[in-house]
Amino acid sequence: MTHSRSPLLELDGSFHRTIVIGDIHGCFDEFLSLLAKVAFSADDALVAVGDIMDRGPLSQAVATFFRDTPNAFTVLGNHERRIAGTIRGTSQPAWSQRQTLSSIPHEERDGWAAWLEVLPAVITTPHVIITHARLDPSLALDMQDRKFCAGTGARIERDADGVPLWYQEWRESHADEKRPLAFGHLRHDRIELVPGLLYALDTDAVHGGPLTAVVFPEGTIVNVQCEDHYSRARESWKLLIQAEPERAKGRA
């Protein structure tokens, strides 16, 4: 799969369903289990809300699936931005970016950065609008900024019901838009923040929470339980640094 440099990817109505999946973070085995549970097929559009990589055990496998599967798409998450920035030398990596890149051969990294850098900020289908962290209420969907939508370094305010303020402002500015919106990035206390209209799909899969999908047009919520891959990965990285500090530094 390739993307243009436009911040918006519009998918047409040739797909029967849109399956939107939350932050995967390299949880590949659980991701495949979730696809089986929703009976994903060539007639569906599969769209991830970003953060498909990093912190989990099989980031490259997840990214390869979305790169190579014709009807699978993802918006850009903040973790993808940081991985690409680490490859380009424009971002200071955390331990998880170093670990993610340790599984990707050096000669393949520029190609991965090039793919990640042009992932869209927003994906739409006739069923739903998808972004990673937020939308800019002052801009049309085809004018959104990748960094802004990825939520990099941003504090996202919420109201007393847990609904992001940006969403309320965006609905006011785009009153004619009736499609629901799905996003990830931050954990909320429920998935359906606004009934039938706003779905928060970061359900903390990599920390041992469920990996969640919403199937449109019905709006059916489906999930599978994940292991705490984050704690295991961080501990193994600490042990590697202690045992082979120079090797660990040189892997990213």
Protein backbone atom coordinates (compact mmCIF):
# COMPACT_ATOMS: atom_id res chain seq x y z
CA MET A 1 0.00 0.00 0.00
CA THR A 2 1.22 3.50 -0.81
CA HIS A 3 -0.11 6.87 0.17
CA SER A 4 0.00 10.25 -1.49
CA ARG A 5 1.36 13.24 0.37
CA SER A 6 -2.16 14.50 1.02
CA PRO A 7 -3.11 14.54 4.71
CA LEU A 8 -6.49 13.02 3.78
CA LEU A 9 -7.14 9.57 2.35
CA GLU A 10 -10.73 9.13 1.16
CA LEU A 11 -11.91 5.56 0.63
CA ASP A 12 -14.90 5.07 -1.64
CA GLY A 13 -18.04 3.05 -1.07
CA SER A 14 -16.80 -0.19 -2.64
CA PHE A 15 -16.26 -1.76 0.81
CA HIS A 16 -19.24 -3.36 2.58
CA ARG A 17 -17.91 -2.62 6.07
CA THR A 18 -15.33 -0.38 7.70
CA ILE A 19 -13.47 -2.05 10.55
CA VAL A 20 -11.67 0.52 12.69
CA ILE A 21 -9.08 -0.85 15.07
CA GLY A 22 -7.46 0.85 18.06
CA ASP A 23 -3.79 1.36 18.96
CA ILE A 24 -2.10 -1.98 18.19
CA HIS A 25 1.44 -1.15 19.36
CA GLY A 26 3.00 -4.26 17.84
CA CYS A 27 0.56 -6.74 19.42
CA PHE A 28 0.49 -8.80 16.23
CA ASP A 29 -0.88 -12.09 17.54
CA GLU A 30 -3.82 -10.40 19.24
CA PHE A 31 -4.33 -8.28 16.12
CA LEU A 32 -4.72 -11.43 14.02
CA SER A 33 -7.12 -12.86 16.61
CA LEU A 34 -9.23 -9.72 16.39
CA LEU A 35 -9.31 -9.89 12.59
CA ALA A 36 -10.56 -13.46 12.84
CA LYS A 37 -13.19 -12.46 15.39
CA VAL A 38 -14.64 -9.76 13.10
CA ALA A 39 -14.30 -12.04 10.04
CA PHE A 40 -12.18 -9.52 8.13
CA SER A 41 -12.38 -10.11 4.37
CA ALA A 42 -11.49 -8.52 1.05
CA ASP A 43 -14.91 -6.83 1.06
CA ASP A 44 -13.97 -4.76 4.14
CA ALA A 45 -11.86 -1.67 4.68
CA LEU A 46 -9.62 -2.13 7.71
CA VAL A 47 -8.45 1.18 9.18
CA ALA A 48 -6.14 1.61 12.18
CA VAL A 49 -6.18 4.76 14.31
CA GLY A 50 -2.36 4.88 14.35
CA ASP A 51 0.26 3.76 16.86
CA ILE A 52 0.38 0.42 15.10
CA MET A 53 4.08 0.18 16.09
CA ASP A 54 6.33 0.52 19.15
CA ARG A 55 6.31 -0.91 22.70
CA GLY A 56 4.93 -4.29 21.63
CA PRO A 57 6.75 -7.41 20.44
CA LEU A 58 6.10 -7.50 16.67
CA SER A 59 5.91 -3.93 15.37
CA GLN A 60 7.42 -4.70 11.99
CA ALA A 61 4.96 -7.53 11.40
CA VAL A 62 2.01 -5.21 12.08
CA ALA A 63 3.44 -2.46 9.87
CA THR A 64 4.16 -4.95 7.08
CA PHE A 65 0.55 -6.13 7.20
CA PHE A 66 -0.75 -2.59 6.73
CA ARG A 67 1.84 -1.76 4.08
CA ASP A 68 1.18 -4.88 2.00
CA THR A 69 -2.55 -5.60 2.46
CA PRO A 70 -4.51 -3.73 -0.25
CA ASN A 71 -7.61 -3.08 1.87
CA ALA A 72 -5.76 -2.22 5.12
CA PHE A 73 -4.95 1.40 5.95
CA THR A 74 -3.64 3.40 8.89
CA VAL A 75 -3.39 7.02 9.88
CA LEU A 76 -0.15 8.39 11.30
CA GLY A 77 0.30 8.03 15.05
CA ASN A 78 2.77 9.83 17.27
CA HIS A 79 4.79 6.63 17.66
CA GLU A 80 5.16 6.25 13.90
CA ARG A 81 6.28 9.88 13.71
CA ARG A 82 8.93 9.26 16.33
CA ILE A 83 10.18 6.08 14.70
CA ALA A 84 10.53 7.89 11.37
CA GLY A 85 12.22 10.82 13.14
CA THR A 86 14.64 8.46 14.86
CA ILE A 87 15.59 6.93 11.51
CA ARG A 88 16.06 10.40 9.98
CA GLY A 89 17.99 11.67 13.00
CA THR A 90 15.46 14.38 13.82
CA SER A 91 14.01 12.78 16.97
CA GLN A 92 15.65 11.65 20.18
CA PRO A 93 14.56 8.03 20.68
CA ALA A 94 13.10 6.59 23.84
CA TRP A 95 13.92 3.00 24.77
CA SER A 96 10.91 1.71 22.85
CA GLN A 97 11.97 3.27 19.55
CA ARG A 98 15.44 1.77 20.01
CA GLN A 99 13.89 -1.61 20.67
CA THR A 100 11.49 -1.35 17.72
CA LEU A 101 14.30 -0.45 15.36
CA SER A 102 16.49 -3.25 16.70
CA SER A 103 14.29 -5.69 14.77
CA ILE A 104 14.53 -3.75 11.49
CA PRO A 105 17.72 -4.18 9.43
CA HIS A 106 19.62 -0.93 8.86
CA GLU A 107 19.29 -1.22 5.09
CA GLU A 108 15.48 -1.29 5.36
CA ARG A 109 15.03 1.67 7.69
CA ASP A 110 15.03 4.47 5.13
CA GLY A 111 12.27 2.69 3.22
CA TRP A 112 10.19 2.36 6.37
CA ALA A 113 10.72 6.04 7.22
CA ALA A 114 9.59 7.05 3.74
CA TRP A 115 6.39 4.98 4.12
CA LEU A 116 5.62 6.29 7.60
CA GLU A 117 6.22 9.94 6.72
CA VAL A 118 3.39 10.06 4.17
CA LEU A 119 0.75 8.19 6.16
CA PRO A 120 -2.40 10.33 6.20
CA ALA A 121 -3.55 12.43 9.12
CA VAL A 122 -7.17 11.49 8.39
CA ILE A 123 -8.88 8.60 6.63
CA THR A 124 -12.55 8.69 5.68
CA THR A 125 -15.00 6.12 4.38
CA PRO A 126 -18.72 6.57 3.77
CA HIS A 127 -19.19 5.10 7.28
CA VAL A 128 -16.70 6.96 9.49
CA ILE A 129 -13.89 9.51 9.91
CA ILE A 130 -10.64 8.26 11.49
CA THR A 131 -7.70 10.17 12.96
CA HIS A 132 -5.13 9.42 15.64
CA ALA A 133 -5.42 12.00 18.43
CA ARG A 134 -7.44 15.04 17.35
CA LEU A 135 -8.67 17.24 14.52
CA ASP A 136 -8.13 20.96 14.09
CA PRO A 137 -11.66 22.46 14.23
CA SER A 138 -10.59 25.43 12.10
CA LEU A 139 -9.53 23.31 9.11
CA ALA A 140 -11.24 21.11 6.53
CA LEU A 141 -10.36 17.42 6.57
CA ASP A 142 -8.09 17.75 3.54
CA MET A 143 -6.13 20.55 5.23
CA GLN A 144 -5.35 18.84 8.54
CA ASP A 145 -1.73 18.75 9.75
CA ARG A 146 -0.08 15.38 10.34
CA LYS A 147 1.82 16.46 13.44
CA PHE A 148 -1.24 18.13 14.95
CA CYS A 149 -3.51 15.15 14.33
CA ALA A 150 -0.90 12.74 15.72
CA GLY A 151 -1.05 14.68 18.99
CA THR A 152 2.70 14.82 19.40
CA GLY A 153 3.58 16.52 22.67
CA ALA A 154 0.04 17.83 23.13
CA ARG A 155 -2.10 17.96 26.24
CA ILE A 156 -5.64 17.18 25.15
CA GLU A 157 -8.29 18.71 27.41
CA ARG A 158 -11.56 16.91 28.17
CA ASP A 159 -14.86 17.98 29.65
CA ALA A 160 -16.44 16.51 32.80
CA ASP A 161 -17.84 13.60 30.76
CA GLY A 162 -14.43 12.76 29.30
CA VAL A 163 -15.24 14.09 25.82
CA PRO A 164 -12.28 15.92 24.23
CA LEU A 165 -12.87 19.63 23.81
CA TRP A 166 -11.48 19.55 20.29
CA TYR A 167 -14.32 17.22 19.30
CA GLN A 168 -17.00 19.56 20.57
CA GLU A 169 -15.43 22.47 18.70
CA TRP A 170 -15.03 20.39 15.55
CA ARG A 171 -18.70 19.35 15.56
CA GLU A 172 -19.74 22.97 15.97
CA SER A 173 -17.54 23.99 13.03
CA HIS A 174 -18.67 21.08 10.83
CA ALA A 175 -22.35 20.81 11.69
CA ASP A 176 -23.21 19.28 8.30
CA GLU A 177 -20.91 16.30 8.86
CA LYS A 178 -23.02 13.40 10.15
CA ARG A 179 -20.50 10.55 10.07
CA PRO A 180 -19.15 9.23 13.37
CA LEU A 181 -15.52 9.79 14.28
CA ALA A 182 -13.04 7.25 15.67
CA PHE A 183 -9.66 8.01 17.22
CA GLY A 184 -7.03 6.58 19.57
CA HIS A 185 -3.93 7.93 21.34
CA LEU A 186 -5.32 8.30 24.88
CA ARG A 187 -7.17 5.90 27.15
CA HIS A 188 -10.71 6.95 28.10
CA ASP A 189 -13.09 5.39 30.60
CA ARG A 190 -15.40 4.14 27.86
CA ILE A 191 -15.24 3.47 24.14
CA GLU A 192 -18.42 5.17 22.93
CA LEU A 193 -17.80 8.68 24.26
CA VAL A 194 -20.74 10.17 22.36
CA PRO A 195 -23.35 7.54 21.48
CA GLY A 196 -23.09 6.65 17.81
CA LEU A 197 -20.80 9.59 17.06
CA LEU A 198 -17.44 9.40 18.87
CA TYR A 199 -15.40 6.25 19.55
CA ALA A 200 -12.19 6.22 21.65
CA LEU A 201 -10.29 3.09 20.62
CA ASP A 202 -7.05 3.22 22.60
CA THR A 203 -7.96 0.56 25.16
CA ASP A 204 -4.37 0.04 26.39
CA ALA A 205 -3.76 -3.21 24.54
CA VAL A 206 0.02 -3.19 24.93
CA HIS A 207 -0.30 -2.78 28.72
CA GLY A 208 -2.56 -5.82 29.05
CA GLY A 209 -5.89 -4.24 28.14
CA PRO A 210 -8.10 -5.33 25.25
CA LEU A 211 -7.43 -4.59 21.61
CA THR A 212 -10.63 -3.05 20.32
CA ALA A 213 -12.37 -2.60 16.96
CA VAL A 214 -15.61 -0.97 15.90
CA VAL A 215 -17.38 -2.42 12.88
CA PHE A 216 -19.37 0.05 10.80
CA PRO A 217 -22.03 0.75 9.66
CA GLU A 218 -23.57 -1.04 12.66
CA GLY A 219 -21.13 0.42 15.20
CA THR A 220 -20.56 -2.99 16.80
CA ILE A 221 -17.71 -3.03 19.34
CA VAL A 222 -15.48 -6.13 19.35
CA ASN A 223 -12.30 -6.85 21.32
CA VAL A 224 -9.75 -9.45 22.34
CA GLN A 225 -7.67 -9.51 25.51
CA CYS A 226 -3.94 -8.78 25.26
CA GLU A 227 -0.94 -9.66 27.37
CA ASP A 228 1.12 -6.98 29.15
CA HIS A 229 3.73 -6.79 26.41
CA TYR A 230 4.95 -3.38 27.53
CA SER A 231 6.25 -4.48 30.93
CA ARG A 232 7.91 -7.55 29.47
CA ALA A 233 9.55 -5.57 26.66
CA ARG A 234 10.84 -2.85 28.95
CA GLU A 235 12.33 -5.34 31.38
CA SER A 236 14.07 -7.28 28.60
CA TRP A 237 15.49 -4.02 27.22
CA LYS A 238 16.83 -3.05 30.65
CA LEU A 239 18.52 -6.42 30.93
CA LEU A 240 20.10 -6.03 27.50
CA ILE A 241 21.45 -2.58 28.36
CA GLN A 242 22.93 -3.91 31.57
CA ALA A 243 24.50 -6.91 29.84
CA GLU A 244 25.60 -5.27 26.60
CA PRO A 245 25.39 -1.46 26.90
CA GLU A 246 27.35 -0.66 23.75
CA ARG A 247 25.43 -3.19 21.69
CA ALA A 248 22.10 -1.79 22.88
CA LYS A 249 23.14 1.79 22.04
CA GLY A 250 24.21 0.77 18.59
CA ARG A 251 21.04 -1.01 17.65
CA ALA A 252 19.05 2.13 16.83
